[in-house]
Amino acid sequence: MSEQPGSEFPRAIGKVANRELVANGYTTYDSLTKVPAKALLQIHGVGPKAVRILGEELAAQGKAYAADTAC
């Protein structure tokens, strides 16, 4: 998959999701390992599909989102 400008994320997540992730400081897969998936879903423009695709990409690299520590 081709990358979106400004990040190493695939085009499949969509332009809006990529733009909003970059605007919030998430430009690499390593940056996503520091945040729970639920937190990403709180960003306007980042939906379940983008989080799923990014989660699959993280898993393929042997990585994962940060654990959700909320009770």
N, C-alpha and C. Protein backbone atom coordinates (compact mmCIF):
# COMPACT_ATOMS: atom_id res chain seq x y z
N MET A 1 0.83 -1.19 0.00
CA MET A 1 0.00 0.00 0.00
C MET A 1 0.87 1.25 0.00
N SER A 2 0.42 2.24 -0.70
CA SER A 2 1.15 3.50 -0.75
C SER A 2 0.92 4.28 0.54
N GLU A 3 1.92 5.07 0.88
CA GLU A 3 1.83 5.89 2.08
C GLU A 3 1.15 7.22 1.77
N GLN A 4 0.56 7.80 2.79
CA GLN A 4 -0.02 9.13 2.70
C GLN A 4 1.08 10.15 2.97
N PRO A 5 1.01 11.32 2.36
CA PRO A 5 1.99 12.37 2.65
C PRO A 5 1.95 12.77 4.12
N GLY A 6 3.12 12.96 4.72
CA GLY A 6 3.20 13.40 6.11
C GLY A 6 3.24 12.29 7.13
N SER A 7 3.01 11.06 6.68
CA SER A 7 3.04 9.94 7.61
C SER A 7 3.45 8.67 6.87
N GLU A 8 3.64 7.61 7.63
CA GLU A 8 3.95 6.33 7.01
C GLU A 8 2.72 5.42 6.93
N PHE A 9 1.54 5.98 7.12
CA PHE A 9 0.31 5.21 7.13
C PHE A 9 -0.20 4.95 5.71
N PRO A 10 -0.91 3.84 5.53
CA PRO A 10 -1.41 3.50 4.19
C PRO A 10 -2.58 4.39 3.76
N ARG A 11 -2.73 4.55 2.45
CA ARG A 11 -3.82 5.34 1.89
C ARG A 11 -5.19 4.78 2.29
N ALA A 12 -5.25 3.51 2.58
CA ALA A 12 -6.53 2.86 2.89
C ALA A 12 -7.22 3.46 4.11
N ILE A 13 -6.49 4.18 4.97
CA ILE A 13 -7.15 4.77 6.15
C ILE A 13 -7.93 6.02 5.78
N GLY A 14 -7.66 6.57 4.62
CA GLY A 14 -8.38 7.76 4.16
C GLY A 14 -7.60 9.04 4.41
N LYS A 15 -7.87 10.02 3.57
CA LYS A 15 -7.17 11.30 3.65
C LYS A 15 -7.47 12.05 4.94
N VAL A 16 -8.72 12.06 5.34
CA VAL A 16 -9.11 12.80 6.54
C VAL A 16 -8.47 12.19 7.78
N ALA A 17 -8.55 10.87 7.90
CA ALA A 17 -7.95 10.20 9.06
C ALA A 17 -6.45 10.47 9.11
N ASN A 18 -5.78 10.36 7.97
CA ASN A 18 -4.35 10.62 7.94
C ASN A 18 -4.04 12.06 8.36
N ARG A 19 -4.77 13.01 7.79
CA ARG A 19 -4.54 14.42 8.10
C ARG A 19 -4.73 14.68 9.60
N GLU A 20 -5.79 14.13 10.18
CA GLU A 20 -6.07 14.36 11.59
C GLU A 20 -5.06 13.67 12.50
N LEU A 21 -4.61 12.49 12.11
CA LEU A 21 -3.57 11.82 12.90
C LEU A 21 -2.29 12.65 12.90
N VAL A 22 -1.90 13.13 11.73
CA VAL A 22 -0.70 13.96 11.63
C VAL A 22 -0.86 15.24 12.45
N ALA A 23 -2.04 15.86 12.37
CA ALA A 23 -2.30 17.09 13.12
C ALA A 23 -2.21 16.86 14.63
N ASN A 24 -2.47 15.62 15.05
CA ASN A 24 -2.40 15.28 16.48
C ASN A 24 -1.05 14.67 16.87
N GLY A 25 -0.09 14.70 15.95
CA GLY A 25 1.26 14.26 16.27
C GLY A 25 1.56 12.80 16.01
N TYR A 26 0.65 12.09 15.36
CA TYR A 26 0.87 10.68 15.06
C TYR A 26 1.27 10.53 13.60
N THR A 27 2.55 10.29 13.36
CA THR A 27 3.04 10.19 11.98
C THR A 27 3.72 8.86 11.69
N THR A 28 4.01 8.09 12.74
CA THR A 28 4.68 6.80 12.56
C THR A 28 3.93 5.72 13.33
N TYR A 29 4.21 4.47 12.96
CA TYR A 29 3.60 3.37 13.70
C TYR A 29 4.09 3.35 15.14
N ASP A 30 5.36 3.71 15.36
CA ASP A 30 5.87 3.76 16.73
C ASP A 30 5.08 4.75 17.58
N SER A 31 4.66 5.87 16.98
CA SER A 31 3.88 6.85 17.75
C SER A 31 2.52 6.28 18.16
N LEU A 32 1.99 5.36 17.36
CA LEU A 32 0.70 4.75 17.70
C LEU A 32 0.80 3.75 18.84
N THR A 33 2.00 3.24 19.11
CA THR A 33 2.17 2.28 20.20
C THR A 33 2.08 2.95 21.57
N LYS A 34 2.06 4.28 21.59
CA LYS A 34 2.01 5.03 22.84
C LYS A 34 0.59 5.48 23.21
N VAL A 35 -0.39 5.09 22.41
CA VAL A 35 -1.77 5.54 22.62
C VAL A 35 -2.74 4.37 22.45
N PRO A 36 -3.77 4.31 23.29
CA PRO A 36 -4.78 3.26 23.10
C PRO A 36 -5.65 3.54 21.87
N ALA A 37 -6.15 2.51 21.26
CA ALA A 37 -7.03 2.65 20.09
C ALA A 37 -8.22 3.54 20.42
N LYS A 38 -8.77 3.41 21.62
CA LYS A 38 -9.94 4.22 22.02
C LYS A 38 -9.64 5.71 21.95
N ALA A 39 -8.42 6.09 22.27
CA ALA A 39 -8.04 7.50 22.22
C ALA A 39 -8.02 8.00 20.78
N LEU A 40 -7.59 7.16 19.86
CA LEU A 40 -7.57 7.55 18.45
C LEU A 40 -8.98 7.75 17.93
N LEU A 41 -9.91 6.94 18.41
CA LEU A 41 -11.30 7.06 17.97
C LEU A 41 -11.93 8.37 18.43
N GLN A 42 -11.33 9.02 19.40
CA GLN A 42 -11.85 10.30 19.88
C GLN A 42 -11.44 11.46 18.97
N ILE A 43 -10.50 11.21 18.06
CA ILE A 43 -10.05 12.25 17.14
C ILE A 43 -11.05 12.35 16.00
N HIS A 44 -11.57 13.54 15.77
CA HIS A 44 -12.54 13.75 14.70
C HIS A 44 -11.92 13.33 13.37
N GLY A 45 -12.62 12.48 12.63
CA GLY A 45 -12.14 12.03 11.33
C GLY A 45 -11.44 10.69 11.36
N VAL A 46 -11.17 10.17 12.55
CA VAL A 46 -10.52 8.87 12.68
C VAL A 46 -11.59 7.88 13.16
N GLY A 47 -11.97 6.97 12.29
CA GLY A 47 -13.03 6.03 12.62
C GLY A 47 -12.55 4.62 12.82
N PRO A 48 -13.49 3.72 13.08
CA PRO A 48 -13.16 2.32 13.33
C PRO A 48 -12.38 1.66 12.20
N LYS A 49 -12.70 2.01 10.95
CA LYS A 49 -11.99 1.39 9.83
C LYS A 49 -10.50 1.76 9.86
N ALA A 50 -10.20 3.04 10.06
CA ALA A 50 -8.80 3.48 10.11
C ALA A 50 -8.07 2.82 11.28
N VAL A 51 -8.71 2.75 12.43
CA VAL A 51 -8.10 2.14 13.61
C VAL A 51 -7.85 0.65 13.36
N ARG A 52 -8.79 -0.01 12.71
CA ARG A 52 -8.63 -1.44 12.40
C ARG A 52 -7.45 -1.65 11.44
N ILE A 53 -7.41 -0.87 10.37
CA ILE A 53 -6.33 -1.01 9.39
C ILE A 53 -4.98 -0.74 10.04
N LEU A 54 -4.89 0.32 10.81
CA LEU A 54 -3.63 0.64 11.48
C LEU A 54 -3.25 -0.44 12.49
N GLY A 55 -4.25 -0.99 13.18
CA GLY A 55 -3.99 -2.08 14.12
C GLY A 55 -3.44 -3.32 13.43
N GLU A 56 -3.98 -3.61 12.24
CA GLU A 56 -3.47 -4.74 11.45
C GLU A 56 -2.04 -4.50 11.01
N GLU A 57 -1.75 -3.27 10.60
CA GLU A 57 -0.38 -2.92 10.20
C GLU A 57 0.58 -3.02 11.39
N LEU A 58 0.14 -2.54 12.55
CA LEU A 58 0.96 -2.66 13.76
C LEU A 58 1.24 -4.13 14.07
N ALA A 59 0.21 -4.96 14.02
CA ALA A 59 0.37 -6.38 14.32
C ALA A 59 1.35 -7.05 13.35
N ALA A 60 1.29 -6.66 12.09
CA ALA A 60 2.21 -7.23 11.10
C ALA A 60 3.67 -6.88 11.42
N GLN A 61 3.86 -5.79 12.15
CA GLN A 61 5.20 -5.36 12.57
C GLN A 61 5.55 -5.87 13.97
N GLY A 62 4.66 -6.66 14.55
CA GLY A 62 4.89 -7.16 15.91
C GLY A 62 4.66 -6.11 16.98
N LYS A 63 3.85 -5.12 16.65
CA LYS A 63 3.55 -4.03 17.59
C LYS A 63 2.07 -3.98 17.88
N ALA A 64 1.67 -3.13 18.81
CA ALA A 64 0.25 -2.97 19.15
C ALA A 64 0.02 -1.59 19.74
N TYR A 65 -1.25 -1.20 19.76
CA TYR A 65 -1.62 0.04 20.44
C TYR A 65 -1.29 -0.11 21.92
N ALA A 66 -1.16 0.99 22.62
CA ALA A 66 -0.96 0.97 24.06
C ALA A 66 -2.20 0.36 24.71
N ALA A 67 -2.00 -0.25 25.85
CA ALA A 67 -3.13 -0.83 26.59
C ALA A 67 -4.00 0.29 27.11
N ASP A 68 -5.31 0.07 27.06
CA ASP A 68 -6.27 1.03 27.59
C ASP A 68 -6.30 0.86 29.10
N THR A 69 -5.83 1.85 29.83
CA THR A 69 -5.73 1.73 31.28
C THR A 69 -6.95 2.26 32.02
N ALA A 70 -7.95 2.74 31.27
CA ALA A 70 -9.16 3.25 31.93
C ALA A 70 -9.96 2.09 32.50
N CYS A 71 -10.62 2.33 33.63
CA CYS A 71 -11.43 1.29 34.27
C CYS A 71 -12.79 1.17 33.66
